N, C-alpha and C. Protein backbone atom coordinates (compact mmCIF):
# COMPACT_ATOMS: atom_id res chain seq x y z
N MET A 1 19.12 10.29 165.57
CA MET A 1 19.39 10.22 167.02
C MET A 1 20.36 11.04 167.55
N LYS A 2 21.42 11.28 166.65
CA LYS A 2 22.38 12.12 167.06
C LYS A 2 21.91 13.50 167.38
N LEU A 3 21.16 14.07 166.50
CA LEU A 3 20.33 15.24 166.30
C LEU A 3 19.62 15.59 167.15
N ILE A 4 18.68 14.82 167.72
CA ILE A 4 17.84 14.63 168.91
C ILE A 4 18.73 14.69 170.31
N SER A 5 19.95 14.19 170.59
CA SER A 5 20.95 14.27 171.53
C SER A 5 21.19 15.46 171.51
N SER A 6 21.79 16.10 170.53
CA SER A 6 22.29 17.76 170.57
C SER A 6 21.24 18.39 171.01
N LEU A 7 19.92 18.27 170.42
CA LEU A 7 19.03 18.98 170.84
C LEU A 7 18.94 19.29 172.35
N PHE A 8 18.90 17.97 172.96
CA PHE A 8 18.70 18.05 174.10
C PHE A 8 19.71 18.71 175.30
N THR A 9 20.75 18.36 174.56
CA THR A 9 22.06 18.90 175.18
C THR A 9 21.84 20.57 175.38
N TYR A 10 21.48 21.18 174.13
CA TYR A 10 21.43 22.53 174.04
C TYR A 10 20.17 23.09 175.07
N SER A 11 19.37 21.90 174.70
CA SER A 11 18.18 22.49 175.61
C SER A 11 18.66 22.56 177.22
N GLY A 12 19.24 21.53 177.39
CA GLY A 12 19.44 21.43 178.61
C GLY A 12 20.48 22.80 179.15
N LEU A 13 20.87 22.76 178.50
CA LEU A 13 22.39 24.64 178.42
C LEU A 13 21.51 25.53 178.82
N ILE A 14 20.65 25.79 177.83
CA ILE A 14 19.92 26.89 177.37
C ILE A 14 18.62 27.19 178.80
N LEU A 15 18.31 26.12 179.31
CA LEU A 15 17.50 25.80 180.73
C LEU A 15 18.14 25.95 181.90
N ILE A 16 19.64 25.65 182.47
CA ILE A 16 20.44 25.86 183.16
C ILE A 16 20.68 27.44 183.43
N ILE A 17 20.81 28.34 181.83
CA ILE A 17 21.58 29.42 182.08
C ILE A 17 20.27 30.47 182.13
N THR A 18 19.01 29.99 181.78
CA THR A 18 17.48 30.81 181.95
C THR A 18 17.43 30.66 183.56
N ASN A 19 17.64 29.81 184.47
CA ASN A 19 17.69 29.41 185.68
C ASN A 19 18.43 30.06 186.37
N THR A 20 19.46 29.88 186.43
CA THR A 20 21.10 30.68 186.74
C THR A 20 20.50 32.31 186.90
N VAL A 21 19.81 32.88 185.67
CA VAL A 21 19.87 34.20 185.63
C VAL A 21 18.47 34.83 185.92
N LEU A 22 17.32 33.83 186.21
CA LEU A 22 16.61 34.04 186.86
C LEU A 22 16.56 34.39 188.57
N PHE A 23 17.17 33.10 188.82
CA PHE A 23 17.42 33.19 190.23
C PHE A 23 18.39 34.09 190.99
N LEU A 24 19.04 34.76 189.90
CA LEU A 24 19.75 35.83 190.24
C LEU A 24 19.48 37.04 190.46
N MET A 25 18.45 37.32 189.42
CA MET A 25 17.70 38.64 189.49
C MET A 25 16.68 38.61 190.23
N SER A 26 16.19 37.59 191.27
CA SER A 26 15.34 37.53 192.29
C SER A 26 16.18 37.16 193.41
N TYR A 27 17.30 37.23 193.72
CA TYR A 27 18.15 37.16 194.49
C TYR A 27 17.89 38.09 195.99
N ARG A 28 18.23 39.47 195.32
CA ARG A 28 17.96 40.35 196.49
C ARG A 28 16.65 40.33 197.27
N GLN A 29 15.90 39.57 196.85
CA GLN A 29 14.02 39.89 197.65
C GLN A 29 14.64 38.48 198.08
N ASN A 30 15.32 37.34 198.19
CA ASN A 30 14.91 36.46 198.81
C ASN A 30 16.59 36.36 199.36
N LYS A 31 17.27 36.78 199.79
CA LYS A 31 18.58 37.10 200.24
C LYS A 31 18.49 36.74 201.50
N LYS A 32 17.50 36.92 202.24
CA LYS A 32 17.66 36.20 203.30
C LYS A 32 17.37 34.64 203.76
N SER A 33 17.25 34.36 202.92
CA SER A 33 16.43 32.69 203.03
C SER A 33 18.05 31.92 202.35
N ILE A 34 18.79 31.14 203.12
CA ILE A 34 19.94 30.49 202.95
C ILE A 34 19.64 29.28 201.91
N ALA A 35 18.61 28.66 202.01
CA ALA A 35 18.39 27.56 201.00
C ALA A 35 18.44 28.30 199.94
N TYR A 36 17.90 29.27 199.56
CA TYR A 36 17.73 30.27 198.12
C TYR A 36 19.11 30.61 197.81
N LYS A 37 20.08 30.85 198.70
CA LYS A 37 21.34 31.25 198.21
C LYS A 37 22.07 29.81 197.92
N LEU A 38 21.84 28.61 198.61
CA LEU A 38 22.55 27.33 198.30
C LEU A 38 21.90 27.10 197.03
N PHE A 39 20.91 27.52 196.83
CA PHE A 39 20.77 26.41 195.48
C PHE A 39 20.98 27.09 194.51
N THR A 40 20.77 29.00 194.65
CA THR A 40 21.48 29.50 193.30
C THR A 40 22.67 29.25 193.37
N LEU A 41 23.71 28.81 194.32
CA LEU A 41 25.39 28.75 194.07
C LEU A 41 25.37 27.25 193.16
N TYR A 42 23.85 26.49 193.52
CA TYR A 42 24.12 25.13 192.92
C TYR A 42 23.77 25.36 191.53
N LEU A 43 22.87 26.36 191.17
CA LEU A 43 22.81 26.49 189.43
C LEU A 43 24.00 27.40 189.18
N ILE A 44 24.36 27.99 189.71
CA ILE A 44 25.62 28.63 188.81
C ILE A 44 26.61 27.85 188.57
N THR A 45 27.20 27.28 189.94
CA THR A 45 28.25 25.88 189.87
C THR A 45 27.82 24.98 188.64
N SER A 46 26.77 24.30 188.57
CA SER A 46 25.97 23.38 187.25
C SER A 46 26.23 24.05 186.01
N PHE A 47 25.96 25.18 186.01
CA PHE A 47 26.05 26.10 184.51
C PHE A 47 27.56 25.64 184.16
N ILE A 48 28.71 26.26 185.30
CA ILE A 48 29.91 26.21 184.71
C ILE A 48 30.65 25.28 184.25
N ILE A 49 30.25 24.10 184.97
CA ILE A 49 30.59 22.96 184.73
C ILE A 49 30.10 22.25 183.64
N SER A 50 28.43 22.65 183.39
CA SER A 50 28.10 22.11 182.09
C SER A 50 28.53 22.80 180.79
N LEU A 51 28.95 24.14 180.71
CA LEU A 51 29.32 24.69 179.85
C LEU A 51 30.95 24.54 179.37
N SER A 52 31.94 24.22 180.63
CA SER A 52 32.89 24.07 180.30
C SER A 52 33.20 22.58 179.76
N ALA A 53 32.35 21.13 180.14
CA ALA A 53 32.54 20.23 179.67
C ALA A 53 32.00 20.53 178.40
N LEU A 54 31.18 21.14 177.72
CA LEU A 54 30.57 21.55 176.39
C LEU A 54 31.65 21.98 175.42
N ILE A 55 32.25 22.81 176.09
CA ILE A 55 33.47 23.93 175.18
C ILE A 55 34.82 22.35 174.87
N LEU A 56 34.73 21.77 176.10
CA LEU A 56 36.07 20.87 176.09
C LEU A 56 35.49 19.78 174.77
N ALA A 57 34.14 18.99 175.32
CA ALA A 57 33.87 18.38 174.11
C ALA A 57 33.82 18.50 172.96
N LYS A 58 33.38 20.09 172.15
CA LYS A 58 33.45 20.70 171.26
C LYS A 58 34.93 20.77 170.56
N LYS A 59 35.99 20.73 171.49
CA LYS A 59 37.55 20.95 170.77
C LYS A 59 37.89 19.48 171.01
N TYR A 60 37.20 18.43 171.32
CA TYR A 60 37.35 16.90 171.21
C TYR A 60 38.81 17.19 172.25
N ILE A 61 38.68 17.73 173.84
CA ILE A 61 39.52 17.47 174.26
C ILE A 61 38.76 16.49 175.57
N PRO A 62 39.27 15.64 176.42
CA PRO A 62 38.70 14.96 177.48
C PRO A 62 38.42 15.77 178.61
N ASN A 63 37.10 15.31 179.12
CA ASN A 63 36.38 16.13 180.08
C ASN A 63 35.44 15.37 180.81
N LEU A 64 35.92 14.23 180.83
CA LEU A 64 35.73 13.45 182.33
C LEU A 64 35.77 13.49 183.44
N HIS A 65 37.29 14.55 183.83
CA HIS A 65 37.74 14.75 185.03
C HIS A 65 36.36 15.79 185.79
N LEU A 66 35.76 16.56 184.86
CA LEU A 66 34.79 17.64 184.80
C LEU A 66 33.40 16.81 185.52
N SER A 67 33.14 15.20 185.34
CA SER A 67 32.01 14.71 185.84
C SER A 67 32.16 14.73 187.70
N HIS A 68 33.80 14.48 188.01
CA HIS A 68 33.81 14.51 189.81
C HIS A 68 33.65 15.73 190.05
N ALA A 69 33.86 16.94 189.68
CA ALA A 69 33.51 18.42 189.73
C ALA A 69 31.85 18.43 190.04
N TYR A 70 31.29 17.65 189.37
CA TYR A 70 29.92 17.87 188.95
C TYR A 70 28.99 17.05 190.08
N PHE A 71 29.25 15.73 190.15
CA PHE A 71 28.66 15.08 191.05
C PHE A 71 29.07 15.37 192.54
N ILE A 72 30.22 15.76 193.03
CA ILE A 72 30.69 16.24 194.51
C ILE A 72 30.24 17.36 194.84
N SER A 73 30.37 18.61 194.00
CA SER A 73 29.56 19.78 194.00
C SER A 73 28.11 19.96 194.57
N GLN A 74 27.55 18.98 193.66
CA GLN A 74 26.07 18.86 193.70
C GLN A 74 25.87 18.00 194.91
N PHE A 75 26.58 17.44 195.17
CA PHE A 75 26.13 16.75 196.54
C PHE A 75 26.49 17.29 197.93
N ILE A 76 27.53 18.50 197.66
CA ILE A 76 27.69 18.81 199.01
C ILE A 76 26.69 20.33 199.08
N LEU A 77 26.30 20.71 197.87
CA LEU A 77 25.36 21.94 197.56
C LEU A 77 24.17 21.58 198.23
N LEU A 78 23.16 20.52 197.45
CA LEU A 78 22.28 19.93 197.60
C LEU A 78 22.02 19.76 199.05
N SER A 79 23.32 19.08 199.66
CA SER A 79 23.07 18.56 201.23
C SER A 79 22.70 19.56 201.74
N LEU A 80 23.65 20.94 201.89
CA LEU A 80 23.52 22.20 202.47
C LEU A 80 22.14 22.74 202.61
N PHE A 81 21.63 22.52 201.09
CA PHE A 81 20.21 23.40 200.70
C PHE A 81 19.43 22.66 201.79
N TYR A 82 19.13 21.17 201.55
CA TYR A 82 18.12 20.44 202.30
C TYR A 82 18.49 20.69 204.02
N ARG A 83 19.76 20.85 204.31
CA ARG A 83 20.04 20.87 205.54
C ARG A 83 19.66 22.43 206.11
N SER A 84 19.43 23.24 205.18
CA SER A 84 18.56 24.48 205.30
C SER A 84 17.20 24.20 205.63
N LEU A 85 16.91 23.39 204.99
CA LEU A 85 15.37 22.98 205.02
C LEU A 85 14.87 22.21 206.22
N PHE A 86 15.63 21.28 206.52
CA PHE A 86 15.52 20.36 207.65
C PHE A 86 14.85 20.95 209.07
N LYS A 87 14.43 20.00 209.72
CA LYS A 87 14.15 20.29 211.37
C LYS A 87 15.66 20.52 211.94
N SER A 88 15.74 20.79 213.35
CA SER A 88 17.08 20.97 213.79
C SER A 88 17.68 19.42 214.47
N ALA A 89 16.68 18.55 214.41
CA ALA A 89 17.45 17.16 214.82
C ALA A 89 17.70 16.58 213.69
N GLN A 90 17.18 16.79 212.43
CA GLN A 90 17.68 16.43 211.21
C GLN A 90 19.13 16.96 210.37
N LYS A 91 19.55 18.05 211.39
CA LYS A 91 20.53 18.81 210.44
C LYS A 91 22.14 18.18 210.76
N LYS A 92 22.04 17.42 211.74
CA LYS A 92 23.10 17.01 212.05
C LYS A 92 23.79 15.91 211.09
N TYR A 93 22.92 15.08 210.96
CA TYR A 93 22.89 13.70 210.05
C TYR A 93 23.37 14.09 209.14
N VAL A 94 23.04 15.45 208.40
CA VAL A 94 23.20 15.68 206.63
C VAL A 94 25.11 16.26 207.19
N MET A 95 25.46 16.73 207.90
CA MET A 95 26.81 17.05 208.13
C MET A 95 27.60 16.18 208.25
N ILE A 96 27.30 14.89 209.25
CA ILE A 96 28.22 13.74 209.15
C ILE A 96 28.11 13.19 208.01
N THR A 97 26.84 13.00 207.23
CA THR A 97 27.12 12.56 205.87
C THR A 97 27.83 12.86 204.92
N ILE A 98 27.93 14.47 204.75
CA ILE A 98 28.99 15.40 203.76
C ILE A 98 30.56 15.00 203.98
N VAL A 99 30.60 14.63 205.63
CA VAL A 99 32.14 14.48 205.93
C VAL A 99 32.38 13.23 206.12
N LEU A 100 31.40 11.98 205.90
CA LEU A 100 32.06 10.66 205.55
C LEU A 100 31.65 10.48 204.44
N VAL A 101 31.01 11.12 203.35
CA VAL A 101 30.92 10.73 202.08
C VAL A 101 32.60 11.47 201.48
N CYS A 102 32.83 12.58 201.62
CA CYS A 102 34.19 13.28 201.07
C CYS A 102 35.25 12.45 201.54
N SER A 103 35.07 11.92 202.82
CA SER A 103 36.33 11.34 203.33
C SER A 103 36.73 9.88 202.41
N ILE A 104 35.31 9.18 202.25
CA ILE A 104 35.63 8.03 201.61
C ILE A 104 36.20 8.27 200.40
N LEU A 105 35.53 9.40 199.62
CA LEU A 105 36.22 9.46 198.19
C LEU A 105 37.26 10.07 197.76
N ALA A 106 38.18 11.03 198.89
CA ALA A 106 39.18 11.41 199.22
C ALA A 106 40.32 10.45 199.41
N PHE A 107 39.76 9.11 199.90
CA PHE A 107 40.70 8.20 200.45
C PHE A 107 40.59 7.27 198.98
N GLN A 108 39.53 6.86 198.78
CA GLN A 108 39.82 6.05 197.28
C GLN A 108 40.03 6.53 195.87
N TYR A 109 40.30 8.27 196.09
CA TYR A 109 41.36 8.60 194.84
C TYR A 109 42.64 8.84 195.41
N MET A 110 43.24 8.61 196.83
CA MET A 110 44.26 8.69 196.76
C MET A 110 45.02 7.41 196.53
N LEU A 111 43.91 6.10 197.02
CA LEU A 111 44.93 5.07 196.22
C LEU A 111 44.74 4.78 195.37
N ARG A 112 43.68 5.40 194.09
CA ARG A 112 43.32 5.08 192.75
C ARG A 112 43.43 6.71 192.28
N PRO A 113 44.63 7.55 191.90
CA PRO A 113 44.79 8.55 191.45
C PRO A 113 44.19 8.10 189.82
N SER A 114 44.26 7.42 189.13
CA SER A 114 43.80 6.90 188.06
C SER A 114 42.15 7.24 187.58
N LEU A 115 41.73 6.81 188.49
CA LEU A 115 39.75 7.09 188.70
C LEU A 115 39.72 8.76 188.29
N PHE A 116 40.71 9.42 188.56
CA PHE A 116 40.15 10.98 188.45
C PHE A 116 39.95 11.37 186.92
N TYR A 117 40.66 10.20 186.05
CA TYR A 117 40.13 10.43 184.56
C TYR A 117 39.18 9.42 183.93
N THR A 118 38.35 8.79 185.08
CA THR A 118 37.81 7.62 184.38
C THR A 118 36.18 8.43 184.91
N PHE A 119 34.87 7.54 184.44
CA PHE A 119 34.04 7.25 184.95
C PHE A 119 33.82 6.67 186.35
N ASN A 120 33.61 7.66 187.60
CA ASN A 120 33.82 6.63 188.59
C ASN A 120 31.91 6.18 188.76
N ILE A 121 31.75 5.19 189.02
CA ILE A 121 30.25 4.65 189.55
C ILE A 121 29.89 4.94 190.75
N PHE A 122 31.22 4.55 191.39
CA PHE A 122 30.64 4.36 192.75
C PHE A 122 30.58 5.68 193.22
N GLU A 123 31.44 6.80 192.82
CA GLU A 123 30.97 8.02 193.43
C GLU A 123 30.00 8.67 193.02
N ILE A 124 29.42 8.42 191.82
CA ILE A 124 28.17 8.54 191.31
C ILE A 124 27.46 8.08 192.36
N PHE A 125 26.91 6.81 192.63
CA PHE A 125 25.93 6.23 194.08
C PHE A 125 26.34 6.87 194.99
N ILE A 126 27.22 6.93 195.35
CA ILE A 126 27.75 7.37 196.82
C ILE A 126 27.38 8.89 197.22
N THR A 127 27.37 9.89 196.31
CA THR A 127 26.76 10.97 196.39
C THR A 127 25.79 11.46 195.93
N SER A 128 24.90 10.58 195.13
CA SER A 128 23.30 10.46 194.69
C SER A 128 22.67 10.01 195.93
N LEU A 129 23.00 8.88 196.18
CA LEU A 129 22.04 8.22 197.27
C LEU A 129 21.57 9.23 198.24
N PRO A 130 22.40 10.04 199.10
CA PRO A 130 22.20 11.10 199.84
C PRO A 130 20.88 12.06 199.98
N ILE A 131 21.04 12.27 198.57
CA ILE A 131 20.66 13.48 198.21
C ILE A 131 18.89 13.07 197.74
N VAL A 132 18.81 11.22 197.51
CA VAL A 132 17.62 10.87 197.27
C VAL A 132 17.11 10.87 198.62
N ILE A 133 17.65 10.49 199.67
CA ILE A 133 16.94 10.14 200.93
C ILE A 133 16.65 11.83 201.41
N TYR A 134 17.63 12.42 201.28
CA TYR A 134 16.67 14.11 201.92
C TYR A 134 15.66 14.72 200.94
N ALA A 135 15.71 14.31 199.64
CA ALA A 135 14.26 14.55 199.17
C ALA A 135 13.46 13.66 199.57
N MET A 136 13.37 12.51 199.97
CA MET A 136 12.27 11.69 200.64
C MET A 136 11.96 12.51 201.95
N ILE A 137 13.03 12.75 202.92
CA ILE A 137 12.97 12.90 204.31
C ILE A 137 12.18 14.22 203.91
N HIS A 138 12.42 15.54 203.01
CA HIS A 138 11.92 16.77 202.97
C HIS A 138 10.09 16.32 202.40
N LEU A 139 10.02 15.41 201.55
CA LEU A 139 8.96 15.10 201.20
C LEU A 139 7.71 14.72 202.26
N TYR A 140 8.26 13.50 203.42
CA TYR A 140 7.61 13.64 204.50
C TYR A 140 7.37 14.80 205.46
N ASN A 141 8.20 15.62 205.62
CA ASN A 141 8.42 16.85 206.65
C ASN A 141 7.16 17.38 205.70
N SER A 142 7.21 17.90 204.61
CA SER A 142 5.61 18.69 203.94
C SER A 142 4.48 18.35 204.57
N LEU A 143 4.74 17.07 204.81
CA LEU A 143 3.04 16.36 205.14
C LEU A 143 2.81 17.10 206.49
N ASN A 144 3.90 17.73 207.39
CA ASN A 144 3.42 18.44 208.52
C ASN A 144 3.77 19.88 208.30
N GLY A 145 3.30 20.24 207.02
CA GLY A 145 3.23 21.65 206.80
C GLY A 145 4.71 22.80 206.18
N THR A 146 5.50 21.72 205.88
CA THR A 146 6.88 22.43 205.52
C THR A 146 6.72 22.26 204.05
N ASN A 147 6.02 23.20 203.16
CA ASN A 147 6.08 23.32 201.61
C ASN A 147 6.94 23.69 200.98
N ASN A 148 8.02 24.12 201.32
CA ASN A 148 8.85 24.89 200.75
C ASN A 148 9.80 24.34 199.89
N TYR A 149 9.52 24.76 198.36
CA TYR A 149 10.74 24.31 197.30
C TYR A 149 9.95 22.66 196.68
N LEU A 150 8.76 22.47 197.15
CA LEU A 150 8.21 20.95 196.62
C LEU A 150 8.29 21.19 195.36
N ILE A 151 8.16 21.41 194.58
CA ILE A 151 8.58 21.33 193.09
C ILE A 151 9.77 20.79 192.55
N ILE A 152 10.85 21.39 192.97
CA ILE A 152 12.06 21.37 192.77
C ILE A 152 12.61 20.38 193.47
N ASN A 153 11.85 19.73 194.50
CA ASN A 153 12.41 18.63 195.20
C ASN A 153 11.78 17.47 194.53
N ALA A 154 10.46 17.66 193.99
CA ALA A 154 9.86 16.40 193.28
C ALA A 154 11.00 16.41 191.65
N GLY A 155 11.50 16.86 191.09
CA GLY A 155 12.23 17.13 190.04
C GLY A 155 13.52 16.76 190.74
N ILE A 156 14.44 16.97 191.98
CA ILE A 156 15.39 16.18 192.41
C ILE A 156 15.34 14.74 192.79
N LEU A 157 14.03 14.10 193.25
CA LEU A 157 13.88 13.21 193.49
C LEU A 157 13.66 12.17 192.16
N VAL A 158 13.00 12.68 191.60
CA VAL A 158 12.86 12.02 190.37
C VAL A 158 14.42 11.60 189.19
N TYR A 159 14.41 12.93 189.08
CA TYR A 159 15.77 13.15 188.12
C TYR A 159 16.96 12.47 188.98
N ILE A 160 17.62 12.66 190.10
CA ILE A 160 18.74 12.25 190.29
C ILE A 160 18.40 10.30 190.92
N THR A 161 17.35 10.11 191.19
CA THR A 161 17.12 8.43 191.03
C THR A 161 17.12 7.94 189.65
N SER A 162 16.46 8.62 188.72
CA SER A 162 16.67 8.12 187.90
C SER A 162 17.77 8.06 187.11
N SER A 163 18.56 9.33 187.30
CA SER A 163 19.85 9.33 186.29
C SER A 163 21.04 8.62 186.88
N THR A 164 20.99 8.28 188.28
CA THR A 164 21.76 7.37 188.77
C THR A 164 21.65 6.00 188.42
N LEU A 165 20.31 5.46 188.18
CA LEU A 165 20.28 4.20 187.83
C LEU A 165 20.54 4.23 186.10
N ILE A 166 20.39 5.23 185.24
CA ILE A 166 20.82 4.99 184.33
C ILE A 166 22.48 5.22 183.98
N PHE A 167 23.20 6.09 184.92
CA PHE A 167 24.78 6.05 184.59
C PHE A 167 25.04 4.38 184.99
N ILE A 168 24.70 4.01 186.21
CA ILE A 168 25.35 2.80 186.66
C ILE A 168 24.83 1.81 185.01
N LEU A 169 23.39 1.98 184.60
CA LEU A 169 23.32 0.80 183.70
C LEU A 169 23.70 0.87 182.22
N GLY A 170 24.14 2.30 182.09
CA GLY A 170 24.79 3.14 180.95
C GLY A 170 26.24 2.57 181.08
N ASN A 171 26.70 2.29 182.04
CA ASN A 171 28.19 2.33 181.95
C ASN A 171 28.24 0.82 181.77
N TYR A 172 27.76 0.27 182.60
CA TYR A 172 27.85 -1.23 182.12
C TYR A 172 27.64 -2.13 180.68
N LEU A 173 26.22 -1.22 180.27
CA LEU A 173 26.06 -2.05 178.32
C LEU A 173 27.19 -1.20 177.76
N SER A 174 28.05 -0.39 178.14
CA SER A 174 29.27 0.17 177.38
C SER A 174 30.13 -0.42 177.42
N SER A 175 30.31 -1.58 178.43
CA SER A 175 31.31 -2.22 178.76
C SER A 175 31.24 -3.48 177.91
N ILE A 176 30.33 -3.86 177.25
CA ILE A 176 29.53 -5.21 176.69
C ILE A 176 29.60 -4.95 175.40
N GLU A 177 30.19 -5.56 174.46
CA GLU A 177 30.47 -5.30 172.90
C GLU A 177 29.17 -5.73 172.44
N GLY A 178 28.77 -4.60 171.53
CA GLY A 178 27.69 -4.80 170.73
C GLY A 178 26.20 -3.71 171.06
N ASN A 179 26.68 -3.35 172.40
CA ASN A 179 26.02 -2.48 173.24
C ASN A 179 25.81 -1.01 173.19
N ILE A 180 26.49 -0.43 172.52
CA ILE A 180 27.26 0.91 172.55
C ILE A 180 25.89 1.94 172.29
N GLN A 181 25.28 1.59 171.21
CA GLN A 181 24.09 2.35 170.67
C GLN A 181 22.95 2.01 171.89
N VAL A 182 22.74 0.90 172.21
CA VAL A 182 21.62 1.06 173.33
C VAL A 182 21.99 1.91 174.73
N SER A 183 23.44 1.78 174.98
CA SER A 183 24.02 3.28 175.99
C SER A 183 23.80 4.10 175.31
N ARG A 184 24.37 4.72 174.45
CA ARG A 184 23.76 5.96 173.92
C ARG A 184 22.30 6.26 173.89
N ASN A 185 21.60 5.24 173.63
CA ASN A 185 20.08 5.82 174.00
C ASN A 185 19.38 5.95 175.19
N ILE A 186 20.50 4.95 176.33
CA ILE A 186 20.29 5.56 177.68
C ILE A 186 20.50 6.74 178.18
N TYR A 187 21.70 7.09 177.56
CA TYR A 187 22.24 8.74 178.18
C TYR A 187 21.23 9.53 177.48
N LEU A 188 20.54 9.42 176.22
CA LEU A 188 19.75 10.22 175.85
C LEU A 188 18.23 10.43 176.54
N ILE A 189 17.86 9.47 177.11
CA ILE A 189 16.52 9.34 178.60
C ILE A 189 17.13 10.41 179.37
N ASN A 190 18.64 10.17 179.91
CA ASN A 190 19.12 11.10 180.93
C ASN A 190 18.75 12.37 180.50
N LYS A 191 19.64 12.90 179.57
CA LYS A 191 19.28 14.43 178.74
C LYS A 191 17.68 14.61 179.03
N ILE A 192 16.69 13.99 178.45
CA ILE A 192 15.66 14.29 178.42
C ILE A 192 14.93 14.71 179.86
N LEU A 193 15.73 13.92 180.81
CA LEU A 193 15.07 13.90 182.57
C LEU A 193 15.75 14.92 182.61
N TYR A 194 17.06 15.34 182.31
CA TYR A 194 17.68 17.04 182.76
C TYR A 194 16.92 17.83 182.31
N SER A 195 16.32 17.58 181.04
CA SER A 195 15.43 18.93 180.55
C SER A 195 14.25 19.25 181.58
N VAL A 196 13.64 17.70 181.77
CA VAL A 196 12.50 18.53 182.58
C VAL A 196 12.87 18.73 184.08
N TYR A 197 13.74 18.17 184.44
CA TYR A 197 14.34 18.86 186.25
C TYR A 197 14.08 20.13 185.81
N LEU A 198 15.19 20.62 185.02
CA LEU A 198 15.29 21.83 184.84
C LEU A 198 13.98 22.67 184.73
N SER A 199 13.11 22.26 184.06
CA SER A 199 11.99 23.08 183.83
C SER A 199 10.98 23.17 184.68
N LEU A 200 11.34 22.08 185.65
CA LEU A 200 10.55 22.31 187.17
C LEU A 200 11.23 23.20 187.68
N ILE A 201 12.62 23.22 187.72
CA ILE A 201 13.20 24.75 188.54
C ILE A 201 12.34 25.98 188.56
N LEU A 202 12.22 26.16 186.58
CA LEU A 202 11.91 26.97 186.26
C LEU A 202 10.25 27.42 186.78
N VAL A 203 9.55 26.34 186.76
CA VAL A 203 8.14 26.42 187.32
C VAL A 203 8.40 27.05 188.55
N GLN A 204 9.10 26.53 189.68
CA GLN A 204 9.29 26.82 190.87
C GLN A 204 9.84 28.32 191.18
N TRP A 205 10.51 28.73 190.14
CA TRP A 205 10.82 30.10 190.09
C TRP A 205 9.56 31.26 190.08
N ARG A 206 8.61 30.49 188.80
CA ARG A 206 7.45 31.06 188.22
C ARG A 206 6.91 31.52 189.70
N THR A 207 6.57 30.28 190.01
CA THR A 207 5.44 30.26 191.31
C THR A 207 5.94 30.76 192.58
N SER A 208 6.81 30.70 192.77
CA SER A 208 7.57 31.10 194.23
C SER A 208 8.13 32.21 194.70
N PHE A 209 9.28 32.65 193.55
CA PHE A 209 10.27 33.59 193.50
C PHE A 209 10.01 35.03 192.72
N ARG A 210 9.38 34.82 191.46
CA ARG A 210 9.09 35.31 190.34
C ARG A 210 8.81 37.40 191.16
N PRO A 211 9.38 38.05 190.60
CA PRO A 211 9.09 39.37 191.32
C PRO A 211 7.71 40.00 190.85
N LEU A 212 7.12 40.41 192.23
CA LEU A 212 5.98 40.87 191.99
C LEU A 212 5.74 42.10 191.58
N LYS A 213 5.22 42.39 190.15
CA LYS A 213 4.61 43.75 189.58
C LYS A 213 3.88 44.93 190.71
N SER A 214 4.83 45.77 191.08
CA SER A 214 4.35 47.09 191.66
C SER A 214 3.21 47.37 191.19
N LYS A 215 2.15 47.97 191.96
CA LYS A 215 0.80 48.16 191.48
C LYS A 215 1.03 49.71 191.21
N SER A 216 0.67 50.39 190.39
CA SER A 216 0.73 51.95 190.26
C SER A 216 -0.52 52.49 190.41
């Protein structure tokens, strides 16, 4: 099981590197798209945090503090990503949500600074739920002809919904004596889903953003 877990850990890292490089390669031809810029920045940020977490883990240095950077940056960048895709009437609610969520988390960490060094389930929930809602709104908007980033949107909807439930359940099982192995198996499922999500991003790049070969 440990071998399989390591396999998907490195598989996820390879996929995030691949996606980041490919989106950067196509950046020039898509630089007018705000959504593309924001999603590329999201990939770069995710890659940096994932690599940093892996390096610290290999050196047996605690890396839980990086989870806060991951979830908060994911929330802000994907919120702005969806805002760029939404209709004008929907955009203002995204900014309100960003300010509200960040304010709540800032207040929480001011009251309990020790949370910075632990796994904050509340943070995961409050930063993931809006993204799931945005994904559902974008799916609804696509019924009226807005079909940009539908593959990525499907990946976000499935992965973030599943991973939020997995983190909550995994954290609960970890606190119960005798359920450590079950908890590890649940986190393995999350790694598998993450690889699937990154694979869908790769499919979206190939179908929508891959540079076209010029005819000679």
